[in-house]
Amino acid sequence: MVTAFYSALLGLWMVSLSVLVIKQRKSHLVSLGDGGVDELQKARSAQGNAVEYIPITLILMLLLEYHGGPHWLLHGAGVLFCVGRVAHAKAILSGTFKWRVSGMALTFLVILGLAMGNLVYLPYQQIFTM
């Protein structure tokens, strides 16, 4: 399964972002919220953004794969999405606006492409039959 591969990669990415949050919390002795600490705010923002976009993208990928979408399309979406997520998080953590915009653009492009792909490969004959 193609989606399982990208789920594993993105799961590892989410863990790495979570570890950054934990390190910042420990370093600045902040147990809840961000304590007004800039580095912790950035780490939480990068992690939170990943949590917002990764699940829906993996669901769309899985459904497209299930409905027979081509593997080249799934791999293309997976690679672009991973690049976009890494670029976005790295930009948040470093304060680089250009890569943050590029990362979100790739993220939206992939989500829109997967949504359209699902509409193309959706087995319409099964939707309205009992």
C-alpha atoms as a PDB file:
ATOM      1  CA  MET A   1       0.000   0.000   0.000  1.00  0.00           C
ATOM      2  CA  VAL A   2       1.402   3.319  -1.076  1.00  0.00           C
ATOM      3  CA  THR A   3      -0.505   5.261   1.582  1.00  0.00           C
ATOM      4  CA  ALA A   4       0.988   3.125   4.362  1.00  0.00           C
ATOM      5  CA  PHE A   5       4.480   4.204   3.299  1.00  0.00           C
ATOM      6  CA  TYR A   6       3.649   7.921   3.464  1.00  0.00           C
ATOM      7  CA  SER A   7       1.682   7.420   6.687  1.00  0.00           C
ATOM      8  CA  ALA A   8       4.813   5.961   8.256  1.00  0.00           C
ATOM      9  CA  LEU A   9       7.013   8.827   7.047  1.00  0.00           C
ATOM     10  CA  LEU A  10       4.559  11.466   8.185  1.00  0.00           C
ATOM     11  CA  GLY A  11       4.052   9.690  11.503  1.00  0.00           C
ATOM     12  CA  LEU A  12       7.792   9.892  12.101  1.00  0.00           C
ATOM     13  CA  TRP A  13       7.709  13.562  11.138  1.00  0.00           C
ATOM     14  CA  MET A  14       4.917  14.236  13.630  1.00  0.00           C
ATOM     15  CA  VAL A  15       6.889  12.500  16.375  1.00  0.00           C
ATOM     16  CA  SER A  16       9.956  14.615  15.579  1.00  0.00           C
ATOM     17  CA  LEU A  17       7.872  17.806  15.790  1.00  0.00           C
ATOM     18  CA  SER A  18       6.403  16.607  19.096  1.00  0.00           C
ATOM     19  CA  VAL A  19       9.890  15.959  20.461  1.00  0.00           C
ATOM     20  CA  LEU A  20      10.824  19.552  19.600  1.00  0.00           C
ATOM     21  CA  VAL A  21       7.847  20.779  21.625  1.00  0.00           C
ATOM     22  CA  ILE A  22       8.817  18.546  24.546  1.00  0.00           C
ATOM     23  CA  LYS A  23      12.416  19.793  24.448  1.00  0.00           C
ATOM     24  CA  GLN A  24      11.267  23.409  24.462  1.00  0.00           C
ATOM     25  CA  ARG A  25       8.875  22.750  27.351  1.00  0.00           C
ATOM     26  CA  LYS A  26      11.626  21.089  29.359  1.00  0.00           C
ATOM     27  CA  SER A  27      14.190  23.742  28.506  1.00  0.00           C
ATOM     28  CA  HIS A  28      11.909  26.623  29.535  1.00  0.00           C
ATOM     29  CA  LEU A  29      10.030  24.811  32.335  1.00  0.00           C
ATOM     30  CA  VAL A  30       6.614  25.333  30.702  1.00  0.00           C
ATOM     31  CA  SER A  31       4.078  22.568  31.337  1.00  0.00           C
ATOM     32  CA  LEU A  32       0.981  24.099  29.683  1.00  0.00           C
ATOM     33  CA  GLY A  33       0.528  26.573  26.861  1.00  0.00           C
ATOM     34  CA  ASP A  34       3.578  28.345  25.525  1.00  0.00           C
ATOM     35  CA  GLY A  35       4.548  30.483  28.519  1.00  0.00           C
ATOM     36  CA  GLY A  36       5.224  33.384  26.171  1.00  0.00           C
ATOM     37  CA  VAL A  37       8.394  31.635  24.969  1.00  0.00           C
ATOM     38  CA  ASP A  38       8.995  32.371  21.273  1.00  0.00           C
ATOM     39  CA  GLU A  39      10.775  29.072  20.515  1.00  0.00           C
ATOM     40  CA  LEU A  40       7.982  27.091  22.162  1.00  0.00           C
ATOM     41  CA  GLN A  41       5.340  29.064  20.258  1.00  0.00           C
ATOM     42  CA  LYS A  42       7.088  28.213  16.999  1.00  0.00           C
ATOM     43  CA  ALA A  43       7.472  24.530  17.882  1.00  0.00           C
ATOM     44  CA  ARG A  44       3.807  24.267  18.889  1.00  0.00           C
ATOM     45  CA  SER A  45       2.741  26.052  15.714  1.00  0.00           C
ATOM     46  CA  ALA A  46       4.757  23.696  13.493  1.00  0.00           C
ATOM     47  CA  GLN A  47       3.396  20.638  15.301  1.00  0.00           C
ATOM     48  CA  GLY A  48      -0.187  21.920  15.356  1.00  0.00           C
ATOM     49  CA  ASN A  49      -0.172  22.728  11.677  1.00  0.00           C
ATOM     50  CA  ALA A  50       1.046  19.225  10.875  1.00  0.00           C
ATOM     51  CA  VAL A  51      -1.731  17.741  13.013  1.00  0.00           C
ATOM     52  CA  GLU A  52      -4.281  19.816  11.083  1.00  0.00           C
ATOM     53  CA  TYR A  53      -3.264  18.817   7.554  1.00  0.00           C
ATOM     54  CA  ILE A  54      -1.692  15.361   7.701  1.00  0.00           C
ATOM     55  CA  PRO A  55      -4.803  13.345   8.667  1.00  0.00           C
ATOM     56  CA  ILE A  56      -7.132  14.630   5.920  1.00  0.00           C
ATOM     57  CA  THR A  57      -4.421  14.200   3.316  1.00  0.00           C
ATOM     58  CA  LEU A  58      -3.762  10.596   4.345  1.00  0.00           C
ATOM     59  CA  ILE A  59      -7.502   9.874   4.320  1.00  0.00           C
ATOM     60  CA  LEU A  60      -7.794  11.278   0.798  1.00  0.00           C
ATOM     61  CA  MET A  61      -4.737   9.270  -0.297  1.00  0.00           C
ATOM     62  CA  LEU A  62      -6.110   6.067   1.190  1.00  0.00           C
ATOM     63  CA  LEU A  63      -9.500   6.526  -0.460  1.00  0.00           C
ATOM     64  CA  LEU A  64      -7.915   7.283  -3.828  1.00  0.00           C
ATOM     65  CA  GLU A  65      -5.729   4.204  -3.504  1.00  0.00           C
ATOM     66  CA  TYR A  66      -8.732   2.098  -2.479  1.00  0.00           C
ATOM     67  CA  HIS A  67     -10.703   3.273  -5.518  1.00  0.00           C
ATOM     68  CA  GLY A  68      -7.906   2.384  -7.929  1.00  0.00           C
ATOM     69  CA  GLY A  69      -5.989   5.622  -8.331  1.00  0.00           C
ATOM     70  CA  PRO A  70      -2.683   5.110 -10.131  1.00  0.00           C
ATOM     71  CA  HIS A  71       0.396   4.542  -8.003  1.00  0.00           C
ATOM     72  CA  TRP A  72       2.349   7.241  -9.830  1.00  0.00           C
ATOM     73  CA  LEU A  73      -0.292   9.778  -8.766  1.00  0.00           C
ATOM     74  CA  LEU A  74      -0.246   8.579  -5.171  1.00  0.00           C
ATOM     75  CA  HIS A  75       3.552   8.675  -5.000  1.00  0.00           C
ATOM     76  CA  GLY A  76       3.613  12.117  -6.599  1.00  0.00           C
ATOM     77  CA  ALA A  77       1.104  13.396  -4.055  1.00  0.00           C
ATOM     78  CA  GLY A  78       2.992  11.729  -1.206  1.00  0.00           C
ATOM     79  CA  VAL A  79       6.357  13.182  -2.171  1.00  0.00           C
ATOM     80  CA  LEU A  80       5.001  16.690  -2.772  1.00  0.00           C
ATOM     81  CA  PHE A  81       3.051  16.605   0.468  1.00  0.00           C
ATOM     82  CA  CYS A  82       6.057  15.456   2.501  1.00  0.00           C
ATOM     83  CA  VAL A  83       8.239  18.155   0.942  1.00  0.00           C
ATOM     84  CA  GLY A  84       5.556  20.748   1.633  1.00  0.00           C
ATOM     85  CA  ARG A  85       5.128  19.692   5.255  1.00  0.00           C
ATOM     86  CA  VAL A  86       8.873  19.698   5.947  1.00  0.00           C
ATOM     87  CA  ALA A  87       9.357  23.051   4.217  1.00  0.00           C
ATOM     88  CA  HIS A  88       6.472  24.581   6.147  1.00  0.00           C
ATOM     89  CA  ALA A  89       7.630  23.321   9.536  1.00  0.00           C
ATOM     90  CA  LYS A  90      11.259  24.285   8.951  1.00  0.00           C
ATOM     91  CA  ALA A  91      10.117  27.754   7.888  1.00  0.00           C
ATOM     92  CA  ILE A  92       8.019  28.226  11.017  1.00  0.00           C
ATOM     93  CA  LEU A  93      10.879  27.068  13.218  1.00  0.00           C
ATOM     94  CA  SER A  94      13.388  29.378  11.509  1.00  0.00           C
ATOM     95  CA  GLY A  95      11.075  32.318  10.791  1.00  0.00           C
ATOM     96  CA  THR A  96      11.572  32.084   7.005  1.00  0.00           C
ATOM     97  CA  PHE A  97       8.344  33.333   5.422  1.00  0.00           C
ATOM     98  CA  LYS A  98       9.142  32.299   1.825  1.00  0.00           C
ATOM     99  CA  TRP A  99       9.353  28.582   2.536  1.00  0.00           C
ATOM    100  CA  ARG A 100       6.315  28.737   4.774  1.00  0.00           C
ATOM    101  CA  VAL A 101       4.201  29.995   1.871  1.00  0.00           C
ATOM    102  CA  SER A 102       5.734  27.426  -0.476  1.00  0.00           C
ATOM    103  CA  GLY A 103       5.046  24.634   2.012  1.00  0.00           C
ATOM    104  CA  MET A 104       1.403  25.610   2.363  1.00  0.00           C
ATOM    105  CA  ALA A 105       1.042  26.004  -1.406  1.00  0.00           C
ATOM    106  CA  LEU A 106       2.303  22.436  -1.896  1.00  0.00           C
ATOM    107  CA  THR A 107       0.028  21.214   0.884  1.00  0.00           C
ATOM    108  CA  PHE A 108      -3.058  22.830  -0.664  1.00  0.00           C
ATOM    109  CA  LEU A 109      -2.090  21.662  -4.153  1.00  0.00           C
ATOM    110  CA  VAL A 110      -1.861  18.057  -2.964  1.00  0.00           C
ATOM    111  CA  ILE A 111      -5.125  18.192  -1.004  1.00  0.00           C
ATOM    112  CA  LEU A 112      -6.964  19.697  -3.977  1.00  0.00           C
ATOM    113  CA  GLY A 113      -5.392  17.165  -6.348  1.00  0.00           C
ATOM    114  CA  LEU A 114      -6.337  14.250  -4.117  1.00  0.00           C
ATOM    115  CA  ALA A 115      -9.885  15.571  -3.715  1.00  0.00           C
ATOM    116  CA  MET A 116     -10.255  15.864  -7.488  1.00  0.00           C
ATOM    117  CA  GLY A 117      -8.658  12.460  -7.984  1.00  0.00           C
ATOM    118  CA  ASN A 118     -11.188  10.939  -5.627  1.00  0.00           C
ATOM    119  CA  LEU A 119     -14.008  12.500  -7.629  1.00  0.00           C
ATOM    120  CA  VAL A 120     -12.579  11.019 -10.835  1.00  0.00           C
ATOM    121  CA  TYR A 121     -11.976   7.518  -9.444  1.00  0.00           C
ATOM    122  CA  LEU A 122     -15.058   7.349  -7.237  1.00  0.00           C
ATOM    123  CA  PRO A 123     -17.241   4.343  -8.176  1.00  0.00           C
ATOM    124  CA  TYR A 124     -20.421   6.334  -8.807  1.00  0.00           C
ATOM    125  CA  GLN A 125     -22.436   3.219  -9.597  1.00  0.00           C
ATOM    126  CA  GLN A 126     -22.010   2.098  -5.983  1.00  0.00           C
ATOM    127  CA  ILE A 127     -23.080   5.364  -4.385  1.00  0.00           C
ATOM    128  CA  PHE A 128     -26.774   5.197  -5.200  1.00  0.00           C
ATOM    129  CA  THR A 129     -27.344   1.448  -5.233  1.00  0.00           C
ATOM    130  CA  MET A 130     -28.553  -0.562  -2.285  1.00  0.00           C
END
